[in-house]
PDB file of N, CA and C in Angstrom:
ATOM      1  N   UNK A   1       9.467 -25.673  40.268  1.00  0.00           N
ATOM      2  CA  UNK A   1       9.524 -25.147  38.918  1.00  0.00           C
ATOM      3  C   UNK A   1      10.143 -23.757  39.002  1.00  0.00           C
ATOM      4  N   UNK A   2      11.082 -23.542  37.950  1.00  0.00           N
ATOM      5  CA  UNK A   2      11.769 -22.265  37.975  1.00  0.00           C
ATOM      6  C   UNK A   2      11.138 -21.392  36.987  1.00  0.00           C
ATOM      7  N   UNK A   3      11.206 -19.995  37.186  1.00  0.00           N
ATOM      8  CA  UNK A   3      10.655 -19.050  36.191  1.00  0.00           C
ATOM      9  C   UNK A   3      11.352 -19.121  34.897  1.00  0.00           C
ATOM     10  N   UNK A   4      10.855 -18.672  33.823  1.00  0.00           N
ATOM     11  CA  UNK A   4      11.574 -18.788  32.508  1.00  0.00           C
ATOM     12  C   UNK A   4      12.742 -17.838  32.468  1.00  0.00           C
ATOM     13  N   UNK A   5      13.736 -18.156  31.804  1.00  0.00           N
ATOM     14  CA  UNK A   5      15.003 -17.290  31.669  1.00  0.00           C
ATOM     15  C   UNK A   5      14.681 -16.149  30.745  1.00  0.00           C
ATOM     16  N   UNK A   6      14.805 -14.920  31.244  1.00  0.00           N
ATOM     17  CA  UNK A   6      14.485 -13.803  30.558  1.00  0.00           C
ATOM     18  C   UNK A   6      15.735 -13.008  29.890  1.00  0.00           C
ATOM     19  N   UNK A   7      16.902 -13.676  30.013  1.00  0.00           N
ATOM     20  CA  UNK A   7      18.086 -12.927  29.418  1.00  0.00           C
ATOM     21  C   UNK A   7      17.939 -12.918  27.888  1.00  0.00           C
ATOM     22  N   UNK A   8      18.309 -11.870  27.237  1.00  0.00           N
ATOM     23  CA  UNK A   8      18.186 -11.698  25.906  1.00  0.00           C
ATOM     24  C   UNK A   8      19.251 -12.534  25.053  1.00  0.00           C
ATOM     25  N   UNK A   9      18.654 -13.075  23.998  1.00  0.00           N
ATOM     26  CA  UNK A   9      19.466 -13.830  23.040  1.00  0.00           C
ATOM     27  C   UNK A   9      18.799 -13.744  21.661  1.00  0.00           C
ATOM     28  N   UNK A  10      19.536 -14.084  20.660  1.00  0.00           N
ATOM     29  CA  UNK A  10      19.031 -13.886  19.324  1.00  0.00           C
ATOM     30  C   UNK A  10      17.994 -14.864  18.922  1.00  0.00           C
ATOM     31  N   UNK A  11      18.170 -16.143  19.387  1.00  0.00           N
ATOM     32  CA  UNK A  11      17.274 -17.225  18.957  1.00  0.00           C
ATOM     33  C   UNK A  11      16.955 -18.155  20.281  1.00  0.00           C
ATOM     34  N   UNK A  12      15.804 -18.779  20.202  1.00  0.00           N
ATOM     35  CA  UNK A  12      15.427 -19.586  21.289  1.00  0.00           C
ATOM     36  C   UNK A  12      15.278 -21.030  20.669  1.00  0.00           C
ATOM     37  N   UNK A  13      15.206 -22.059  21.507  1.00  0.00           N
ATOM     38  CA  UNK A  13      14.997 -23.436  21.212  1.00  0.00           C
ATOM     39  C   UNK A  13      13.839 -23.608  20.252  1.00  0.00           C
ATOM     40  N   UNK A  14      13.917 -24.206  19.209  1.00  0.00           N
ATOM     41  CA  UNK A  14      12.859 -24.430  18.259  1.00  0.00           C
ATOM     42  C   UNK A  14      12.684 -23.437  17.151  1.00  0.00           C
ATOM     43  N   UNK A  15      13.540 -22.332  17.241  1.00  0.00           N
ATOM     44  CA  UNK A  15      13.473 -21.327  16.144  1.00  0.00           C
ATOM     45  C   UNK A  15      14.213 -21.945  14.841  1.00  0.00           C
ATOM     46  N   UNK A  16      13.588 -21.507  13.720  1.00  0.00           N
ATOM     47  CA  UNK A  16      14.213 -21.680  12.414  1.00  0.00           C
ATOM     48  C   UNK A  16      15.182 -20.643  12.075  1.00  0.00           C
ATOM     49  N   UNK A  17      16.419 -21.020  11.643  1.00  0.00           N
ATOM     50  CA  UNK A  17      17.389 -20.051  11.194  1.00  0.00           C
ATOM     51  C   UNK A  17      17.959 -20.281   9.749  1.00  0.00           C
ATOM     52  N   UNK A  18      18.559 -19.302   9.227  1.00  0.00           N
ATOM     53  CA  UNK A  18      19.204 -19.481   7.932  1.00  0.00           C
ATOM     54  C   UNK A  18      20.754 -18.928   8.154  1.00  0.00           C
ATOM     55  N   UNK A  19      21.611 -19.666   7.734  1.00  0.00           N
ATOM     56  CA  UNK A  19      23.078 -19.203   7.715  1.00  0.00           C
ATOM     57  C   UNK A  19      23.387 -18.061   6.748  1.00  0.00           C
ATOM     58  N   UNK A  20      24.125 -17.099   7.129  1.00  0.00           N
ATOM     59  CA  UNK A  20      24.305 -15.862   6.239  1.00  0.00           C
ATOM     60  C   UNK A  20      25.848 -15.609   6.174  1.00  0.00           C
ATOM     61  N   UNK A  21      26.199 -14.615   5.336  1.00  0.00           N
ATOM     62  CA  UNK A  21      27.553 -14.159   5.295  1.00  0.00           C
ATOM     63  C   UNK A  21      27.604 -12.807   5.972  1.00  0.00           C
ATOM     64  N   UNK A  22      28.869 -12.395   6.380  1.00  0.00           N
ATOM     65  CA  UNK A  22      29.040 -11.064   7.022  1.00  0.00           C
ATOM     66  C   UNK A  22      29.017 -10.035   5.869  1.00  0.00           C
ATOM     67  N   UNK A  23      29.316  -8.840   6.279  1.00  0.00           N
ATOM     68  CA  UNK A  23      29.314  -7.636   5.272  1.00  0.00           C
ATOM     69  C   UNK A  23      30.496  -7.787   4.330  1.00  0.00           C
ATOM     70  N   UNK A  24      31.473  -8.591   4.529  1.00  0.00           N
ATOM     71  CA  UNK A  24      32.541  -8.778   3.627  1.00  0.00           C
ATOM     72  C   UNK A  24      32.421 -10.054   2.786  1.00  0.00           C
ATOM     73  N   UNK A  25      31.266 -10.740   2.995  1.00  0.00           N
ATOM     74  CA  UNK A  25      31.016 -11.951   2.256  1.00  0.00           C
ATOM     75  C   UNK A  25      31.783 -13.161   2.743  1.00  0.00           C
ATOM     76  N   UNK A  26      32.040 -13.109   4.057  1.00  0.00           N
ATOM     77  CA  UNK A  26      32.674 -14.214   4.666  1.00  0.00           C
ATOM     78  C   UNK A  26      31.887 -14.829   5.792  1.00  0.00           C
ATOM     79  N   UNK A  27      32.179 -16.032   6.151  1.00  0.00           N
ATOM     80  CA  UNK A  27      31.558 -16.679   7.336  1.00  0.00           C
ATOM     81  C   UNK A  27      32.399 -17.886   7.695  1.00  0.00           C
ATOM     82  N   UNK A  28      32.409 -18.200   9.009  1.00  0.00           N
ATOM     83  CA  UNK A  28      33.082 -19.410   9.462  1.00  0.00           C
ATOM     84  C   UNK A  28      32.241 -20.635   8.956  1.00  0.00           C
ATOM     85  N   UNK A  29      31.001 -20.345   8.611  1.00  0.00           N
ATOM     86  CA  UNK A  29      30.093 -21.419   8.115  1.00  0.00           C
ATOM     87  C   UNK A  29      29.785 -21.277   6.644  1.00  0.00           C
ATOM     88  N   UNK A  30      30.771 -20.829   5.852  1.00  0.00           N
ATOM     89  CA  UNK A  30      30.498 -20.571   4.480  1.00  0.00           C
ATOM     90  C   UNK A  30      29.943 -21.659   3.721  1.00  0.00           C
ATOM     91  N   UNK A  31      30.217 -22.950   4.022  1.00  0.00           N
ATOM     92  CA  UNK A  31      29.699 -24.068   3.391  1.00  0.00           C
ATOM     93  C   UNK A  31      28.183 -24.239   3.587  1.00  0.00           C
ATOM     94  N   UNK A  32      27.733 -23.570   4.623  1.00  0.00           N
ATOM     95  CA  UNK A  32      26.266 -23.678   5.067  1.00  0.00           C
ATOM     96  C   UNK A  32      25.544 -22.460   4.678  1.00  0.00           C
ATOM     97  N   UNK A  33      26.113 -21.516   3.953  1.00  0.00           N
ATOM     98  CA  UNK A  33      25.524 -20.306   3.505  1.00  0.00           C
ATOM     99  C   UNK A  33      24.152 -20.537   2.850  1.00  0.00           C
ATOM    100  N   UNK A  34      23.031 -20.049   3.311  1.00  0.00           N
ATOM    101  CA  UNK A  34      21.747 -20.148   2.736  1.00  0.00           C
ATOM    102  C   UNK A  34      21.039 -21.485   3.339  1.00  0.00           C
ATOM    103  N   UNK A  35      21.726 -22.315   3.960  1.00  0.00           N
ATOM    104  CA  UNK A  35      21.084 -23.516   4.580  1.00  0.00           C
ATOM    105  C   UNK A  35      20.082 -23.095   5.642  1.00  0.00           C
ATOM    106  N   UNK A  36      19.126 -23.871   5.807  1.00  0.00           N
ATOM    107  CA  UNK A  36      18.102 -23.672   6.947  1.00  0.00           C
ATOM    108  C   UNK A  36      18.597 -24.699   8.053  1.00  0.00           C
ATOM    109  N   UNK A  37      18.318 -24.094   9.195  1.00  0.00           N
ATOM    110  CA  UNK A  37      18.557 -25.038  10.466  1.00  0.00           C
ATOM    111  C   UNK A  37      17.566 -24.783  11.544  1.00  0.00           C
ATOM    112  N   UNK A  38      17.650 -25.647  12.498  1.00  0.00           N
ATOM    113  CA  UNK A  38      16.620 -25.501  13.644  1.00  0.00           C
ATOM    114  C   UNK A  38      17.456 -25.537  14.930  1.00  0.00           C
ATOM    115  N   UNK A  39      17.150 -24.489  15.831  1.00  0.00           N
ATOM    116  CA  UNK A  39      17.892 -24.402  17.153  1.00  0.00           C
ATOM    117  C   UNK A  39      17.342 -25.537  17.985  1.00  0.00           C
ATOM    118  N   UNK A  40      18.344 -26.301  18.335  1.00  0.00           N
ATOM    119  CA  UNK A  40      18.005 -27.527  19.266  1.00  0.00           C
ATOM    120  C   UNK A  40      18.076 -27.244  20.798  1.00  0.00           C
ATOM    121  N   UNK A  41      19.127 -26.279  20.936  1.00  0.00           N
ATOM    122  CA  UNK A  41      19.259 -25.852  22.447  1.00  0.00           C
ATOM    123  C   UNK A  41      20.110 -24.566  22.471  1.00  0.00           C
ATOM    124  N   UNK A  42      19.955 -23.802  23.632  1.00  0.00           N
ATOM    125  CA  UNK A  42      20.720 -22.576  23.837  1.00  0.00           C
ATOM    126  C   UNK A  42      21.248 -22.663  25.168  1.00  0.00           C
ATOM    127  N   UNK A  43      22.549 -22.663  25.343  1.00  0.00           N
ATOM    128  CA  UNK A  43      23.178 -22.618  26.737  1.00  0.00           C
ATOM    129  C   UNK A  43      23.804 -21.294  26.986  1.00  0.00           C
ATOM    130  N   UNK A  44      23.528 -20.643  28.117  1.00  0.00           N
ATOM    131  CA  UNK A  44      24.206 -19.473  28.460  1.00  0.00           C
ATOM    132  C   UNK A  44      25.358 -19.668  29.361  1.00  0.00           C
ATOM    133  N   UNK A  45      26.567 -19.345  28.765  1.00  0.00           N
ATOM    134  CA  UNK A  45      27.791 -19.634  29.512  1.00  0.00           C
ATOM    135  C   UNK A  45      28.387 -18.292  30.007  1.00  0.00           C
ATOM    136  N   UNK A  46      28.866 -18.252  31.298  1.00  0.00           N
ATOM    137  CA  UNK A  46      29.383 -17.035  31.780  1.00  0.00           C
ATOM    138  C   UNK A  46      30.802 -16.853  31.182  1.00  0.00           C
ATOM    139  N   UNK A  47      31.301 -15.608  31.145  1.00  0.00           N
ATOM    140  CA  UNK A  47      32.561 -15.242  30.585  1.00  0.00           C
ATOM    141  C   UNK A  47      33.327 -14.456  31.579  1.00  0.00           C
ATOM    142  N   UNK A  48      34.635 -14.670  31.632  1.00  0.00           N
ATOM    143  CA  UNK A  48      35.503 -13.994  32.609  1.00  0.00           C
ATOM    144  C   UNK A  48      35.674 -12.511  32.199  1.00  0.00           C
ATOM    145  N   UNK A  49      35.761 -12.230  30.945  1.00  0.00           N
ATOM    146  CA  UNK A  49      36.089 -10.876  30.446  1.00  0.00           C
ATOM    147  C   UNK A  49      34.862 -10.006  30.338  1.00  0.00           C
ATOM    148  N   UNK A  50      33.615 -10.501  30.487  1.00  0.00           N
ATOM    149  CA  UNK A  50      32.431  -9.685  30.245  1.00  0.00           C
ATOM    150  C   UNK A  50      31.391 -10.028  31.370  1.00  0.00           C
ATOM    151  N   UNK A  51      30.586  -9.112  31.692  1.00  0.00           N
ATOM    152  CA  UNK A  51      29.659  -9.414  32.777  1.00  0.00           C
ATOM    153  C   UNK A  51      28.508 -10.302  32.172  1.00  0.00           C
ATOM    154  N   UNK A  52      28.057 -10.033  30.955  1.00  0.00           N
ATOM    155  CA  UNK A  52      26.913 -10.776  30.359  1.00  0.00           C
ATOM    156  C   UNK A  52      27.344 -12.257  29.861  1.00  0.00           C
ATOM    157  N   UNK A  53      26.515 -13.150  29.954  1.00  0.00           N
ATOM    158  CA  UNK A  53      26.933 -14.506  29.424  1.00  0.00           C
ATOM    159  C   UNK A  53      26.936 -14.539  27.836  1.00  0.00           C
ATOM    160  N   UNK A  54      27.511 -15.650  27.412  1.00  0.00           N
ATOM    161  CA  UNK A  54      27.582 -15.763  25.884  1.00  0.00           C
ATOM    162  C   UNK A  54      26.538 -16.870  25.645  1.00  0.00           C
ATOM    163  N   UNK A  55      25.781 -16.747  24.636  1.00  0.00           N
ATOM    164  CA  UNK A  55      24.833 -17.737  24.185  1.00  0.00           C
ATOM    165  C   UNK A  55      25.481 -18.717  23.320  1.00  0.00           C
ATOM    166  N   UNK A  56      25.540 -19.998  23.645  1.00  0.00           N
ATOM    167  CA  UNK A  56      26.041 -21.073  22.753  1.00  0.00           C
ATOM    168  C   UNK A  56      24.890 -21.861  22.110  1.00  0.00           C
ATOM    169  N   UNK A  57      24.791 -21.748  20.840  1.00  0.00           N
ATOM    170  CA  UNK A  57      23.581 -22.312  20.110  1.00  0.00           C
ATOM    171  C   UNK A  57      24.021 -23.733  19.593  1.00  0.00           C
ATOM    172  N   UNK A  58      23.184 -24.621  19.699  1.00  0.00           N
ATOM    173  CA  UNK A  58      23.281 -25.963  19.060  1.00  0.00           C
ATOM    174  C   UNK A  58      22.211 -25.941  17.931  1.00  0.00           C
ATOM    175  N   UNK A  59      22.679 -25.931  16.708  1.00  0.00           N
ATOM    176  CA  UNK A  59      21.776 -25.862  15.578  1.00  0.00           C
ATOM    177  C   UNK A  59      21.990 -27.060  14.717  1.00  0.00           C
ATOM    178  N   UNK A  60      20.827 -27.720  14.312  1.00  0.00           N
ATOM    179  CA  UNK A  60      20.843 -28.814  13.331  1.00  0.00           C
ATOM    180  C   UNK A  60      20.640 -28.262  11.956  1.00  0.00           C
ATOM    181  N   UNK A  61      21.662 -28.384  11.120  1.00  0.00           N
ATOM    182  CA  UNK A  61      21.549 -27.799   9.797  1.00  0.00           C
ATOM    183  C   UNK A  61      20.708 -28.807   8.843  1.00  0.00           C
ATOM    184  N   UNK A  62      20.127 -28.251   7.773  1.00  0.00           N
ATOM    185  CA  UNK A  62      19.422 -29.153   6.817  1.00  0.00           C
ATOM    186  C   UNK A  62      20.302 -30.242   6.257  1.00  0.00           C
ATOM    187  N   UNK A  63      21.665 -29.987   6.198  1.00  0.00           N
ATOM    188  CA  UNK A  63      22.493 -30.996   5.521  1.00  0.00           C
ATOM    189  C   UNK A  63      22.860 -32.136   6.532  1.00  0.00           C
ATOM    190  N   UNK A  64      22.358 -32.014   7.816  1.00  0.00           N
ATOM    191  CA  UNK A  64      22.500 -33.141   8.722  1.00  0.00           C
ATOM    192  C   UNK A  64      23.542 -32.941   9.810  1.00  0.00           C
ATOM    193  N   UNK A  65      24.370 -31.829   9.665  1.00  0.00           N
ATOM    194  CA  UNK A  65      25.408 -31.535  10.588  1.00  0.00           C
ATOM    195  C   UNK A  65      24.801 -30.721  11.855  1.00  0.00           C
ATOM    196  N   UNK A  66      25.472 -31.010  13.008  1.00  0.00           N
ATOM    197  CA  UNK A  66      25.150 -30.263  14.237  1.00  0.00           C
ATOM    198  C   UNK A  66      26.184 -29.130  14.397  1.00  0.00           C
ATOM    199  N   UNK A  67      25.713 -27.900  14.415  1.00  0.00           N
ATOM    200  CA  UNK A  67      26.773 -26.783  14.468  1.00  0.00           C
ATOM    201  C   UNK A  67      26.578 -25.921  15.739  1.00  0.00           C
ATOM    202  N   UNK A  68      27.577 -25.193  16.129  1.00  0.00           N
ATOM    203  CA  UNK A  68      27.588 -24.309  17.337  1.00  0.00           C
ATOM    204  C   UNK A  68      28.035 -22.946  16.932  1.00  0.00           C
ATOM    205  N   UNK A  69      27.267 -22.240  16.123  1.00  0.00           N
ATOM    206  CA  UNK A  69      27.695 -20.914  15.572  1.00  0.00           C
ATOM    207  C   UNK A  69      27.460 -19.789  16.597  1.00  0.00           C
ATOM    208  N   UNK A  70      28.105 -18.795  16.488  1.00  0.00           N
ATOM    209  CA  UNK A  70      27.831 -17.417  17.159  1.00  0.00           C
ATOM    210  C   UNK A  70      26.654 -16.889  16.431  1.00  0.00           C
ATOM    211  N   UNK A  71      26.020 -15.959  17.206  1.00  0.00           N
ATOM    212  CA  UNK A  71      24.749 -15.367  16.664  1.00  0.00           C
ATOM    213  C   UNK A  71      24.913 -14.525  15.409  1.00  0.00           C
ATOM    214  N   UNK A  72      26.202 -14.066  15.105  1.00  0.00           N
ATOM    215  CA  UNK A  72      26.306 -13.347  13.853  1.00  0.00           C
ATOM    216  C   UNK A  72      26.434 -14.174  12.601  1.00  0.00           C
ATOM    217  N   UNK A  73      26.430 -15.544  12.751  1.00  0.00           N
ATOM    218  CA  UNK A  73      26.495 -16.460  11.556  1.00  0.00           C
ATOM    219  C   UNK A  73      25.102 -16.840  11.045  1.00  0.00           C
ATOM    220  N   UNK A  74      24.058 -16.402  11.676  1.00  0.00           N
ATOM    221  CA  UNK A  74      22.703 -16.751  11.217  1.00  0.00           C
ATOM    222  C   UNK A  74      21.656 -15.698  11.501  1.00  0.00           C
ATOM    223  N   UNK A  75      20.569 -15.789  10.834  1.00  0.00           N
ATOM    224  CA  UNK A  75      19.399 -14.920  10.962  1.00  0.00           C
ATOM    225  C   UNK A  75      18.147 -15.792  11.368  1.00  0.00           C
ATOM    226  N   UNK A  76      17.333 -15.326  12.190  1.00  0.00           N
ATOM    227  CA  UNK A  76      16.129 -16.049  12.537  1.00  0.00           C
ATOM    228  C   UNK A  76      15.081 -15.921  11.420  1.00  0.00           C
ATOM    229  N   UNK A  77      14.421 -16.972  10.984  1.00  0.00           N
ATOM    230  CA  UNK A  77      13.416 -16.870   9.857  1.00  0.00           C
ATOM    231  C   UNK A  77      12.135 -16.783  10.439  1.00  0.00           C
TER     232      UNK A  77
END
């Protein structure tokens, strides 16, 4: 058994989230603005241009779609 992963990320598996707009009122997920979702998985992927990994979220939206947003597209509720 491995110890739990302690790397920082915005949300963890099982968290409830709500999709939001940025400070300019824009979002790649504009059609899901205000929708609730549940984080189904979080995968930490290494990046060539940064030392820290990028968290890739799999979120099931209340409208039934499976989305993979960046952390700035949602807030944890």
